[in-house]
Amino acid sequence: MLAAVLLAVRNGEEFIRGKLECLLGLYSPAHVMEILVASDGSTDATEPIAESFAGRGVRLIRASRAGKAAAVKLAIAVFVVPPGTLGRPRRVKVRRR
């Protein structure tokens, strides 16, 4: 992977599909980029739409509704976890200021 894109979104069903299609069109082959969608407690179709792109290098990260900054921090924490350690129980703490 050469590039990573992080999208923090809450209730973005009207634009998330177009945004993901656009981003996926930027790089060829697709395996050089990973897209992380951090849903900040979306209550619309944002999460199912993002999940429909799973086979194309898009990962959905569900965050509780704690704000954009908390969703971004959680996604970054998930992204930097070494390969093979995601199956181990671990906690990710998000500090609020």
C-alpha atoms as a PDB file:
ATOM      1  CA  MET A   1       0.000   0.000   0.000  1.00  0.00           C
ATOM      2  CA  LEU A   2       1.306   3.420  -0.949  1.00  0.00           C
ATOM      3  CA  ALA A   3      -1.572   5.637   0.104  1.00  0.00           C
ATOM      4  CA  ALA A   4      -4.198   5.719   2.825  1.00  0.00           C
ATOM      5  CA  VAL A   5      -7.271   7.907   2.917  1.00  0.00           C
ATOM      6  CA  LEU A   6      -9.349   8.528   6.015  1.00  0.00           C
ATOM      7  CA  LEU A   7     -12.937   9.746   5.766  1.00  0.00           C
ATOM      8  CA  ALA A   8     -14.699  10.734   8.983  1.00  0.00           C
ATOM      9  CA  VAL A   9     -18.427  10.869   8.320  1.00  0.00           C
ATOM     10  CA  ARG A  10     -21.743  11.023  10.123  1.00  0.00           C
ATOM     11  CA  ASN A  11     -24.984  10.507   8.221  1.00  0.00           C
ATOM     12  CA  GLY A  12     -23.391  11.017   4.833  1.00  0.00           C
ATOM     13  CA  GLU A  13     -25.467   8.620   2.755  1.00  0.00           C
ATOM     14  CA  GLU A  14     -26.129  11.244   0.078  1.00  0.00           C
ATOM     15  CA  PHE A  15     -22.430  11.638  -0.808  1.00  0.00           C
ATOM     16  CA  ILE A  16     -20.430   8.672   0.522  1.00  0.00           C
ATOM     17  CA  ARG A  17     -20.917   6.422  -2.537  1.00  0.00           C
ATOM     18  CA  GLY A  18     -19.764   9.130  -4.968  1.00  0.00           C
ATOM     19  CA  LYS A  19     -16.841  10.080  -2.735  1.00  0.00           C
ATOM     20  CA  LEU A  20     -15.650   6.449  -2.515  1.00  0.00           C
ATOM     21  CA  GLU A  21     -16.039   5.900  -6.267  1.00  0.00           C
ATOM     22  CA  CYS A  22     -14.017   9.053  -6.915  1.00  0.00           C
ATOM     23  CA  LEU A  23     -11.244   8.042  -4.500  1.00  0.00           C
ATOM     24  CA  LEU A  24     -11.066   4.512  -5.883  1.00  0.00           C
ATOM     25  CA  GLY A  25     -10.644   5.954  -9.357  1.00  0.00           C
ATOM     26  CA  LEU A  26      -7.515   7.880  -8.338  1.00  0.00           C
ATOM     27  CA  TYR A  27      -5.168   4.916  -8.082  1.00  0.00           C
ATOM     28  CA  SER A  28      -4.658   1.950 -10.320  1.00  0.00           C
ATOM     29  CA  PRO A  29      -4.162  -0.801  -9.356  1.00  0.00           C
ATOM     30  CA  ALA A  30      -6.496  -0.502  -6.380  1.00  0.00           C
ATOM     31  CA  HIS A  31      -4.225  -2.420  -3.992  1.00  0.00           C
ATOM     32  CA  VAL A  32      -1.918   0.591  -3.660  1.00  0.00           C
ATOM     33  CA  MET A  33      -4.516   2.462  -1.610  1.00  0.00           C
ATOM     34  CA  GLU A  34      -6.598   1.746   1.468  1.00  0.00           C
ATOM     35  CA  ILE A  35      -9.605   3.827   2.435  1.00  0.00           C
ATOM     36  CA  LEU A  36     -10.804   3.946   6.033  1.00  0.00           C
ATOM     37  CA  VAL A  37     -14.328   5.235   6.618  1.00  0.00           C
ATOM     38  CA  ALA A  38     -14.811   6.246  10.258  1.00  0.00           C
ATOM     39  CA  SER A  39     -18.528   6.469  10.928  1.00  0.00           C
ATOM     40  CA  ASP A  40     -19.274   8.719  13.877  1.00  0.00           C
ATOM     41  CA  GLY A  41     -22.491   7.001  14.957  1.00  0.00           C
ATOM     42  CA  SER A  42     -24.279   7.277  11.608  1.00  0.00           C
ATOM     43  CA  THR A  43     -27.987   6.485  11.760  1.00  0.00           C
ATOM     44  CA  ASP A  44     -28.661   6.516   8.014  1.00  0.00           C
ATOM     45  CA  ALA A  45     -27.377   4.200   5.252  1.00  0.00           C
ATOM     46  CA  THR A  46     -23.771   5.465   5.450  1.00  0.00           C
ATOM     47  CA  GLU A  47     -22.401   2.287   7.054  1.00  0.00           C
ATOM     48  CA  PRO A  48     -24.068  -0.235   4.703  1.00  0.00           C
ATOM     49  CA  ILE A  49     -22.929   1.812   1.705  1.00  0.00           C
ATOM     50  CA  ALA A  50     -19.337   1.891   2.985  1.00  0.00           C
ATOM     51  CA  GLU A  51     -19.482  -1.861   3.726  1.00  0.00           C
ATOM     52  CA  SER A  52     -20.546  -2.525   0.131  1.00  0.00           C
ATOM     53  CA  PHE A  53     -17.075  -1.311  -0.930  1.00  0.00           C
ATOM     54  CA  ALA A  54     -15.223  -3.774   1.358  1.00  0.00           C
ATOM     55  CA  GLY A  55     -13.970  -5.864  -1.563  1.00  0.00           C
ATOM     56  CA  ARG A  56     -12.378  -2.805  -3.132  1.00  0.00           C
ATOM     57  CA  GLY A  57     -10.049  -1.763  -0.300  1.00  0.00           C
ATOM     58  CA  VAL A  58     -12.481   0.162   1.903  1.00  0.00           C
ATOM     59  CA  ARG A  59     -12.660  -0.559   5.646  1.00  0.00           C
ATOM     60  CA  LEU A  60     -15.493   0.659   7.847  1.00  0.00           C
ATOM     61  CA  ILE A  61     -14.704   1.647  11.415  1.00  0.00           C
ATOM     62  CA  ARG A  62     -17.685   2.229  13.668  1.00  0.00           C
ATOM     63  CA  ALA A  63     -17.174   4.832  16.365  1.00  0.00           C
ATOM     64  CA  SER A  64     -19.652   5.857  19.006  1.00  0.00           C
ATOM     65  CA  ARG A  65     -21.057   9.325  18.496  1.00  0.00           C
ATOM     66  CA  ALA A  66     -18.186  11.194  20.125  1.00  0.00           C
ATOM     67  CA  GLY A  67     -17.413  13.706  17.401  1.00  0.00           C
ATOM     68  CA  LYS A  68     -15.243  13.891  14.321  1.00  0.00           C
ATOM     69  CA  ALA A  69     -11.935  14.132  16.194  1.00  0.00           C
ATOM     70  CA  ALA A  70     -12.659  10.972  18.209  1.00  0.00           C
ATOM     71  CA  ALA A  71     -13.636   9.064  15.038  1.00  0.00           C
ATOM     72  CA  VAL A  72     -10.416  10.161  13.325  1.00  0.00           C
ATOM     73  CA  LYS A  73      -8.296   9.145  16.334  1.00  0.00           C
ATOM     74  CA  LEU A  74      -9.951   5.738  16.464  1.00  0.00           C
ATOM     75  CA  ALA A  75      -9.397   5.168  12.746  1.00  0.00           C
ATOM     76  CA  ILE A  76      -5.739   6.161  13.034  1.00  0.00           C
ATOM     77  CA  ALA A  77      -5.313   3.791  15.990  1.00  0.00           C
ATOM     78  CA  VAL A  78      -6.860   0.949  13.980  1.00  0.00           C
ATOM     79  CA  PHE A  79      -4.723   1.777  10.959  1.00  0.00           C
ATOM     80  CA  VAL A  80      -1.395   1.695  12.808  1.00  0.00           C
ATOM     81  CA  VAL A  81      -1.998  -1.635  14.580  1.00  0.00           C
ATOM     82  CA  PRO A  82       0.613  -4.105  13.305  1.00  0.00           C
ATOM     83  CA  PRO A  83      -0.669  -6.837  10.965  1.00  0.00           C
ATOM     84  CA  GLY A  84      -1.810  -9.982  12.740  1.00  0.00           C
ATOM     85  CA  THR A  85      -2.682  -8.255  16.008  1.00  0.00           C
ATOM     86  CA  LEU A  86      -6.270  -7.279  15.244  1.00  0.00           C
ATOM     87  CA  GLY A  87      -7.520 -10.649  16.497  1.00  0.00           C
ATOM     88  CA  ARG A  88      -6.050 -10.089  19.939  1.00  0.00           C
ATOM     89  CA  PRO A  89      -8.218  -8.401  22.560  1.00  0.00           C
ATOM     90  CA  ARG A  90      -7.082  -4.825  23.044  1.00  0.00           C
ATOM     91  CA  ARG A  91      -8.465  -1.506  24.033  1.00  0.00           C
ATOM     92  CA  VAL A  92      -8.142   1.729  22.182  1.00  0.00           C
ATOM     93  CA  LYS A  93      -8.632   4.737  24.411  1.00  0.00           C
ATOM     94  CA  VAL A  94      -9.676   8.061  22.984  1.00  0.00           C
ATOM     95  CA  ARG A  95      -8.978  10.937  25.339  1.00  0.00           C
ATOM     96  CA  ARG A  96     -11.214  13.959  25.374  1.00  0.00           C
ATOM     97  CA  ARG A  97      -9.872  17.361  26.232  1.00  0.00           C
END
